[in-house]
């Protein structure tokens, strides 16, 4: 009988997520916008003037936004504000 030998197996590289792919919870998203309430996000999502993005992922009623989605929203708000002040 041969003594057992440890066999080294190459480990799979963990998937590299870009910063934009990170999912933020509802609490993290609210904190990112100054500690707003759940009700505030609910209103923003339904207000066509605000155009807050819907969550990217919903799991068992829990909402998650990708950081890229929120950054896109921020950029759009900055653009709209600049247009309004220039007019």
N, C-alpha and C. Protein backbone atom coordinates (compact mmCIF):
# COMPACT_ATOMS: atom_id res chain seq x y z
N UNK A 1 0.83 -1.17 0.00
CA UNK A 1 0.00 0.00 0.00
C UNK A 1 0.88 1.24 0.00
N UNK A 2 0.51 2.22 -0.82
CA UNK A 2 1.31 3.44 -0.94
C UNK A 2 0.81 4.46 0.07
N UNK A 3 1.74 5.18 0.66
CA UNK A 3 1.30 6.26 1.56
C UNK A 3 0.59 7.33 0.73
N UNK A 4 -0.45 7.91 1.31
CA UNK A 4 -1.19 8.93 0.55
C UNK A 4 -0.32 10.16 0.37
N UNK A 5 -0.38 10.69 -0.81
CA UNK A 5 0.39 11.88 -1.12
C UNK A 5 -0.59 13.02 -1.38
N UNK A 6 -0.23 14.16 -0.86
CA UNK A 6 -1.06 15.35 -1.09
C UNK A 6 -0.90 15.76 -2.54
N UNK A 7 -2.00 15.96 -3.17
CA UNK A 7 -1.99 16.39 -4.56
C UNK A 7 -2.34 17.86 -4.58
N UNK A 8 -1.45 18.65 -5.14
CA UNK A 8 -1.72 20.08 -5.24
C UNK A 8 -2.57 20.34 -6.46
N UNK A 9 -3.69 20.98 -6.20
CA UNK A 9 -4.57 21.34 -7.30
C UNK A 9 -4.55 22.85 -7.44
N UNK A 10 -4.50 23.29 -8.67
CA UNK A 10 -4.52 24.75 -8.84
C UNK A 10 -5.86 25.30 -8.37
N UNK A 11 -5.79 26.38 -7.62
CA UNK A 11 -7.01 27.00 -7.14
C UNK A 11 -7.52 27.99 -8.17
N UNK A 12 -8.81 28.01 -8.30
CA UNK A 12 -9.42 28.94 -9.25
C UNK A 12 -9.24 30.36 -8.73
N UNK A 13 -8.93 31.24 -9.64
CA UNK A 13 -8.80 32.64 -9.28
C UNK A 13 -10.17 33.21 -8.94
N UNK A 14 -10.29 33.95 -7.86
CA UNK A 14 -11.59 34.55 -7.57
C UNK A 14 -11.93 35.58 -8.64
N UNK A 15 -13.19 35.65 -8.97
CA UNK A 15 -13.63 36.60 -10.00
C UNK A 15 -13.35 38.02 -9.52
N UNK A 16 -12.74 38.80 -10.36
CA UNK A 16 -12.41 40.17 -10.02
C UNK A 16 -13.59 41.06 -10.40
N UNK A 17 -14.20 41.64 -9.41
CA UNK A 17 -15.30 42.58 -9.66
C UNK A 17 -14.73 43.98 -9.76
N UNK A 18 -15.24 44.71 -10.72
CA UNK A 18 -14.82 46.10 -10.76
C UNK A 18 -15.59 46.83 -9.67
N UNK A 19 -15.11 47.98 -9.31
CA UNK A 19 -15.75 48.79 -8.28
C UNK A 19 -17.20 49.07 -8.64
N UNK A 20 -17.47 49.25 -9.93
CA UNK A 20 -18.82 49.58 -10.38
C UNK A 20 -19.80 48.42 -10.22
N UNK A 21 -19.30 47.19 -10.12
CA UNK A 21 -20.16 46.02 -10.01
C UNK A 21 -20.59 45.72 -8.58
N UNK A 22 -20.03 46.42 -7.62
CA UNK A 22 -20.36 46.18 -6.21
C UNK A 22 -21.84 46.49 -5.99
N UNK A 23 -22.51 45.62 -5.27
CA UNK A 23 -23.91 45.84 -4.94
C UNK A 23 -24.00 46.51 -3.58
N UNK A 24 -24.78 47.58 -3.51
CA UNK A 24 -25.02 48.28 -2.25
C UNK A 24 -26.40 47.94 -1.74
N UNK A 25 -26.49 47.69 -0.45
CA UNK A 25 -27.78 47.43 0.17
C UNK A 25 -28.60 48.71 0.21
N UNK A 26 -29.83 48.57 0.58
CA UNK A 26 -30.69 49.75 0.72
C UNK A 26 -30.12 50.70 1.77
N UNK A 27 -29.64 50.15 2.89
CA UNK A 27 -29.07 50.99 3.94
C UNK A 27 -27.82 51.73 3.45
N UNK A 28 -26.96 51.05 2.69
CA UNK A 28 -25.77 51.69 2.15
C UNK A 28 -26.14 52.76 1.13
N UNK A 29 -27.15 52.49 0.33
CA UNK A 29 -27.61 53.45 -0.67
C UNK A 29 -28.17 54.69 0.02
N UNK A 30 -28.98 54.48 1.04
CA UNK A 30 -29.55 55.62 1.78
C UNK A 30 -28.45 56.44 2.44
N UNK A 31 -27.45 55.77 3.01
CA UNK A 31 -26.33 56.49 3.64
C UNK A 31 -25.55 57.28 2.60
N UNK A 32 -25.40 56.72 1.41
CA UNK A 32 -24.66 57.40 0.33
C UNK A 32 -25.32 58.72 -0.05
N UNK A 33 -26.62 58.81 0.09
CA UNK A 33 -27.34 60.02 -0.25
C UNK A 33 -27.71 60.84 0.99
N UNK A 34 -26.89 60.74 2.01
CA UNK A 34 -27.05 61.61 3.17
C UNK A 34 -27.94 61.07 4.27
N UNK A 35 -28.13 59.77 4.33
CA UNK A 35 -28.93 59.20 5.40
C UNK A 35 -30.43 59.37 5.19
N UNK A 36 -30.86 59.35 3.94
CA UNK A 36 -32.28 59.51 3.65
C UNK A 36 -33.04 58.27 4.11
N UNK A 37 -34.35 58.39 4.17
CA UNK A 37 -35.19 57.29 4.65
C UNK A 37 -35.61 56.36 3.51
N UNK A 38 -36.16 55.21 3.90
CA UNK A 38 -36.74 54.30 2.90
C UNK A 38 -37.86 54.98 2.14
N UNK A 39 -38.65 55.77 2.87
CA UNK A 39 -39.77 56.47 2.23
C UNK A 39 -39.26 57.46 1.18
N UNK A 40 -38.13 58.11 1.45
CA UNK A 40 -37.55 59.05 0.50
C UNK A 40 -37.18 58.33 -0.79
N UNK A 41 -36.53 57.18 -0.67
CA UNK A 41 -36.16 56.41 -1.87
C UNK A 41 -37.43 55.97 -2.60
N UNK A 42 -38.43 55.53 -1.87
CA UNK A 42 -39.69 55.11 -2.48
C UNK A 42 -40.29 56.26 -3.29
N UNK A 43 -40.28 57.46 -2.73
CA UNK A 43 -40.82 58.63 -3.43
C UNK A 43 -39.97 58.99 -4.65
N UNK A 44 -38.65 58.97 -4.49
CA UNK A 44 -37.75 59.30 -5.60
C UNK A 44 -37.96 58.34 -6.76
N UNK A 45 -38.15 57.05 -6.46
CA UNK A 45 -38.34 56.07 -7.53
C UNK A 45 -39.61 56.34 -8.33
N UNK A 46 -40.59 56.94 -7.73
CA UNK A 46 -41.87 57.18 -8.38
C UNK A 46 -42.02 58.58 -8.94
N UNK A 47 -41.08 59.46 -8.64
CA UNK A 47 -41.17 60.84 -9.10
C UNK A 47 -40.45 60.97 -10.45
N UNK A 48 -41.17 61.27 -11.53
CA UNK A 48 -40.53 61.36 -12.84
C UNK A 48 -39.51 62.50 -12.94
N UNK A 49 -39.61 63.49 -12.06
CA UNK A 49 -38.63 64.58 -12.08
C UNK A 49 -37.29 64.13 -11.51
N UNK A 50 -37.32 63.24 -10.54
CA UNK A 50 -36.09 62.76 -9.90
C UNK A 50 -35.46 61.64 -10.72
N UNK A 51 -36.28 60.71 -11.19
CA UNK A 51 -35.81 59.57 -11.99
C UNK A 51 -34.75 58.74 -11.28
N UNK A 52 -34.99 58.47 -10.00
CA UNK A 52 -34.07 57.62 -9.24
C UNK A 52 -34.19 56.20 -9.79
N UNK A 53 -33.06 55.52 -9.97
CA UNK A 53 -33.10 54.19 -10.60
C UNK A 53 -33.73 53.14 -9.70
N UNK A 54 -34.42 52.21 -10.35
CA UNK A 54 -34.95 51.05 -9.64
C UNK A 54 -33.77 50.18 -9.21
N UNK A 55 -33.94 49.37 -8.18
CA UNK A 55 -32.85 48.49 -7.77
C UNK A 55 -32.42 47.57 -8.91
N UNK A 56 -31.14 47.26 -8.96
CA UNK A 56 -30.63 46.35 -9.98
C UNK A 56 -30.98 44.91 -9.65
N UNK A 57 -31.04 44.60 -8.36
CA UNK A 57 -31.32 43.24 -7.92
C UNK A 57 -32.27 43.32 -6.72
N UNK A 58 -33.27 42.44 -6.72
CA UNK A 58 -34.14 42.30 -5.56
C UNK A 58 -34.13 40.82 -5.18
N UNK A 59 -33.74 40.55 -3.94
CA UNK A 59 -33.68 39.17 -3.45
C UNK A 59 -34.52 39.11 -2.17
N UNK A 60 -35.56 38.32 -2.20
CA UNK A 60 -36.47 38.19 -1.05
C UNK A 60 -36.90 39.55 -0.51
N UNK A 61 -37.21 40.45 -1.40
CA UNK A 61 -37.69 41.77 -0.99
C UNK A 61 -36.60 42.75 -0.61
N UNK A 62 -35.36 42.30 -0.60
CA UNK A 62 -34.23 43.20 -0.27
C UNK A 62 -33.71 43.80 -1.56
N UNK A 63 -33.49 45.11 -1.54
CA UNK A 63 -33.10 45.83 -2.75
C UNK A 63 -31.59 46.11 -2.74
N UNK A 64 -30.99 45.96 -3.92
CA UNK A 64 -29.56 46.20 -4.09
C UNK A 64 -29.35 47.02 -5.36
N UNK A 65 -28.49 48.04 -5.26
CA UNK A 65 -28.13 48.87 -6.41
C UNK A 65 -26.66 48.66 -6.71
N UNK A 66 -26.33 48.56 -8.00
CA UNK A 66 -24.92 48.53 -8.39
C UNK A 66 -24.37 49.94 -8.25
N UNK A 67 -23.13 50.04 -7.83
CA UNK A 67 -22.49 51.34 -7.66
C UNK A 67 -22.49 52.10 -8.97
N UNK A 68 -22.31 51.41 -10.09
CA UNK A 68 -22.31 52.08 -11.39
C UNK A 68 -23.66 52.75 -11.67
N UNK A 69 -24.76 52.12 -11.26
CA UNK A 69 -26.09 52.68 -11.46
C UNK A 69 -26.24 53.98 -10.69
N UNK A 70 -25.77 53.98 -9.44
CA UNK A 70 -25.87 55.19 -8.61
C UNK A 70 -24.94 56.29 -9.12
N UNK A 71 -23.78 55.91 -9.60
CA UNK A 71 -22.86 56.91 -10.17
C UNK A 71 -23.46 57.54 -11.42
N UNK A 72 -24.13 56.72 -12.24
CA UNK A 72 -24.79 57.24 -13.44
C UNK A 72 -25.90 58.22 -13.05
N UNK A 73 -26.65 57.88 -12.01
CA UNK A 73 -27.70 58.77 -11.51
C UNK A 73 -27.09 60.09 -11.04
N UNK A 74 -25.99 60.02 -10.28
CA UNK A 74 -25.31 61.23 -9.81
C UNK A 74 -24.89 62.11 -10.98
N UNK A 75 -24.29 61.49 -11.99
CA UNK A 75 -23.80 62.25 -13.15
C UNK A 75 -24.95 62.92 -13.88
N UNK A 76 -26.06 62.21 -14.00
CA UNK A 76 -27.23 62.78 -14.67
C UNK A 76 -27.79 63.97 -13.89
N UNK A 77 -27.81 63.86 -12.57
CA UNK A 77 -28.30 64.98 -11.74
C UNK A 77 -27.38 66.19 -11.87
N UNK A 78 -26.08 65.96 -11.91
CA UNK A 78 -25.13 67.07 -12.07
C UNK A 78 -25.35 67.73 -13.42
N UNK A 79 -25.52 66.91 -14.47
CA UNK A 79 -25.75 67.46 -15.81
C UNK A 79 -27.03 68.29 -15.86
N UNK A 80 -28.11 67.77 -15.29
CA UNK A 80 -29.38 68.49 -15.30
C UNK A 80 -29.29 69.80 -14.51
N UNK A 81 -28.60 69.76 -13.38
CA UNK A 81 -28.43 70.97 -12.58
C UNK A 81 -27.64 72.01 -13.34
N UNK A 82 -26.58 71.58 -14.04
CA UNK A 82 -25.77 72.52 -14.82
C UNK A 82 -26.59 73.14 -15.93
N UNK A 83 -27.43 72.34 -16.56
CA UNK A 83 -28.28 72.86 -17.64
C UNK A 83 -29.29 73.86 -17.11
N UNK A 84 -29.85 73.59 -15.94
CA UNK A 84 -30.85 74.48 -15.35
C UNK A 84 -30.23 75.81 -14.92
N UNK A 85 -29.01 75.77 -14.40
CA UNK A 85 -28.38 77.02 -13.96
C UNK A 85 -27.86 77.83 -15.15
N UNK A 86 -27.55 77.15 -16.26
CA UNK A 86 -27.07 77.85 -17.45
C UNK A 86 -28.20 78.52 -18.20
N UNK A 87 -29.40 78.01 -18.03
CA UNK A 87 -30.56 78.55 -18.77
C UNK A 87 -31.06 79.85 -18.19
